[in-house]
Amino acid sequence: MKHIVRATVIALALTGAVASTHATSASSSKATVTAAKTSAMPIPMCAPDDPNACGMN
């Protein structure tokens, strides 16, 4: 049981070290992030040629 706990703690420590290394290298890169542009017009989800689509009469 003691070995399992030690192995788990070591695995978590290594995972944290790798994650922090990736986070610092990602923040130092010069990649630009662009936000997604939302559409001004809604996208219809009903059939446009069906008069009874979506309960509209």
N, C-alpha and C. Protein backbone atom coordinates (compact mmCIF):
# COMPACT_ATOMS: atom_id res chain seq x y z
N MET A 1 0.83 -1.19 0.00
CA MET A 1 0.00 0.00 0.00
C MET A 1 0.88 1.26 0.00
N LYS A 2 1.95 1.21 0.74
CA LYS A 2 2.85 2.36 0.83
C LYS A 2 3.48 2.64 -0.53
N HIS A 3 3.79 1.58 -1.29
CA HIS A 3 4.40 1.74 -2.61
C HIS A 3 3.41 2.35 -3.60
N ILE A 4 2.15 1.98 -3.49
CA ILE A 4 1.13 2.53 -4.39
C ILE A 4 0.96 4.02 -4.15
N VAL A 5 0.94 4.42 -2.89
CA VAL A 5 0.79 5.84 -2.57
C VAL A 5 2.00 6.62 -3.06
N ARG A 6 3.18 6.09 -2.85
CA ARG A 6 4.39 6.78 -3.32
C ARG A 6 4.43 6.90 -4.84
N ALA A 7 4.02 5.83 -5.52
CA ALA A 7 4.00 5.86 -6.99
C ALA A 7 2.99 6.89 -7.50
N THR A 8 1.85 6.99 -6.83
CA THR A 8 0.83 7.97 -7.22
C THR A 8 1.34 9.39 -7.02
N VAL A 9 1.99 9.63 -5.88
CA VAL A 9 2.53 10.96 -5.60
C VAL A 9 3.61 11.34 -6.61
N ILE A 10 4.46 10.41 -6.96
CA ILE A 10 5.52 10.68 -7.94
C ILE A 10 4.91 10.95 -9.31
N ALA A 11 3.90 10.17 -9.69
CA ALA A 11 3.26 10.38 -10.99
C ALA A 11 2.59 11.75 -11.06
N LEU A 12 1.94 12.16 -9.98
CA LEU A 12 1.29 13.48 -9.97
C LEU A 12 2.33 14.60 -10.01
N ALA A 13 3.44 14.41 -9.31
CA ALA A 13 4.49 15.43 -9.33
C ALA A 13 5.09 15.57 -10.73
N LEU A 14 5.34 14.45 -11.40
CA LEU A 14 5.88 14.50 -12.75
C LEU A 14 4.89 15.13 -13.72
N THR A 15 3.62 14.80 -13.57
CA THR A 15 2.59 15.38 -14.43
C THR A 15 2.51 16.89 -14.24
N GLY A 16 2.58 17.34 -13.00
CA GLY A 16 2.55 18.77 -12.72
C GLY A 16 3.76 19.48 -13.30
N ALA A 17 4.92 18.85 -13.20
CA ALA A 17 6.14 19.46 -13.74
C ALA A 17 6.06 19.59 -15.26
N VAL A 18 5.57 18.55 -15.91
CA VAL A 18 5.44 18.60 -17.37
C VAL A 18 4.40 19.63 -17.78
N ALA A 19 3.28 19.70 -17.06
CA ALA A 19 2.24 20.67 -17.39
C ALA A 19 2.72 22.10 -17.21
N SER A 20 3.48 22.36 -16.16
CA SER A 20 3.98 23.72 -15.96
C SER A 20 5.02 24.09 -17.01
N THR A 21 5.80 23.11 -17.46
CA THR A 21 6.77 23.37 -18.51
C THR A 21 6.07 23.72 -19.82
N HIS A 22 5.00 23.00 -20.14
CA HIS A 22 4.25 23.27 -21.37
C HIS A 22 3.54 24.62 -21.27
N ALA A 23 3.06 24.96 -20.08
CA ALA A 23 2.34 26.23 -19.92
C ALA A 23 3.28 27.41 -20.10
N THR A 24 4.49 27.33 -19.57
CA THR A 24 5.41 28.45 -19.72
C THR A 24 5.92 28.55 -21.15
N SER A 25 6.12 27.43 -21.81
CA SER A 25 6.58 27.50 -23.19
C SER A 25 5.46 27.99 -24.11
N ALA A 26 4.21 27.67 -23.79
CA ALA A 26 3.09 28.14 -24.60
C ALA A 26 2.87 29.62 -24.41
N SER A 27 3.08 30.13 -23.20
CA SER A 27 2.86 31.56 -22.97
C SER A 27 3.98 32.40 -23.56
N SER A 28 5.15 31.81 -23.74
CA SER A 28 6.26 32.59 -24.29
C SER A 28 6.28 32.57 -25.82
N SER A 29 5.46 31.73 -26.45
CA SER A 29 5.44 31.70 -27.91
C SER A 29 4.68 32.92 -28.43
N LYS A 30 4.89 33.26 -29.69
CA LYS A 30 4.31 34.47 -30.26
C LYS A 30 3.08 34.17 -31.10
N ALA A 31 2.34 33.14 -30.75
CA ALA A 31 1.13 32.80 -31.48
C ALA A 31 0.02 33.77 -31.11
N THR A 32 -0.73 34.23 -32.10
CA THR A 32 -1.84 35.13 -31.83
C THR A 32 -3.12 34.32 -31.79
N VAL A 33 -4.00 34.69 -30.90
CA VAL A 33 -5.27 34.00 -30.75
C VAL A 33 -6.36 34.93 -31.27
N THR A 34 -7.15 34.43 -32.19
CA THR A 34 -8.26 35.22 -32.71
C THR A 34 -9.57 34.63 -32.21
N ALA A 35 -10.47 35.50 -31.80
CA ALA A 35 -11.75 35.04 -31.29
C ALA A 35 -12.68 34.70 -32.45
N ALA A 36 -13.54 33.74 -32.22
CA ALA A 36 -14.50 33.35 -33.25
C ALA A 36 -15.54 34.46 -33.42
N LYS A 37 -15.87 34.76 -34.65
CA LYS A 37 -16.84 35.81 -34.93
C LYS A 37 -18.22 35.17 -35.07
N THR A 38 -19.15 35.66 -34.28
CA THR A 38 -20.50 35.12 -34.35
C THR A 38 -21.27 35.81 -35.47
N SER A 39 -22.18 35.08 -36.06
CA SER A 39 -22.96 35.61 -37.16
C SER A 39 -24.06 36.52 -36.65
N ALA A 40 -24.38 37.55 -37.41
CA ALA A 40 -25.45 38.46 -37.04
C ALA A 40 -26.82 37.87 -37.37
N MET A 41 -26.87 37.02 -38.38
CA MET A 41 -28.14 36.42 -38.78
C MET A 41 -28.29 35.04 -38.15
N PRO A 42 -29.47 34.73 -37.64
CA PRO A 42 -29.68 33.39 -37.08
C PRO A 42 -29.74 32.34 -38.17
N ILE A 43 -29.30 31.17 -37.87
CA ILE A 43 -29.33 30.07 -38.83
C ILE A 43 -30.63 29.31 -38.64
N PRO A 44 -31.47 29.22 -39.68
CA PRO A 44 -32.74 28.51 -39.53
C PRO A 44 -32.51 27.00 -39.35
N MET A 45 -33.24 26.42 -38.43
CA MET A 45 -33.10 25.00 -38.16
C MET A 45 -34.27 24.21 -38.75
N CYS A 46 -35.26 24.88 -39.30
CA CYS A 46 -36.41 24.21 -39.88
C CYS A 46 -36.32 24.26 -41.40
N ALA A 47 -37.05 23.37 -42.05
CA ALA A 47 -37.06 23.34 -43.51
C ALA A 47 -37.72 24.61 -44.04
N PRO A 48 -37.06 25.35 -44.94
CA PRO A 48 -37.65 26.60 -45.41
C PRO A 48 -38.84 26.40 -46.34
N ASP A 49 -38.97 25.24 -46.99
CA ASP A 49 -40.08 25.02 -47.91
C ASP A 49 -41.26 24.32 -47.28
N ASP A 50 -41.21 24.04 -45.97
CA ASP A 50 -42.32 23.37 -45.28
C ASP A 50 -43.09 24.41 -44.48
N PRO A 51 -44.38 24.67 -44.81
CA PRO A 51 -45.13 25.69 -44.11
C PRO A 51 -45.44 25.30 -42.66
N ASN A 52 -45.41 24.01 -42.32
CA ASN A 52 -45.70 23.59 -40.96
C ASN A 52 -44.45 23.32 -40.13
N ALA A 53 -43.30 23.70 -40.64
CA ALA A 53 -42.06 23.45 -39.92
C ALA A 53 -41.99 24.34 -38.67
N CYS A 54 -41.54 23.78 -37.61
CA CYS A 54 -41.37 24.48 -36.32
C CYS A 54 -42.68 25.03 -35.78
N GLY A 55 -43.78 24.54 -36.21
CA GLY A 55 -45.07 24.98 -35.70
C GLY A 55 -45.50 26.36 -36.17
N MET A 56 -44.89 26.86 -37.23
CA MET A 56 -45.28 28.18 -37.75
C MET A 56 -46.30 27.98 -38.88
N ASN A 57 -47.41 28.66 -38.77
CA ASN A 57 -48.48 28.52 -39.78
C ASN A 57 -48.64 29.80 -40.56
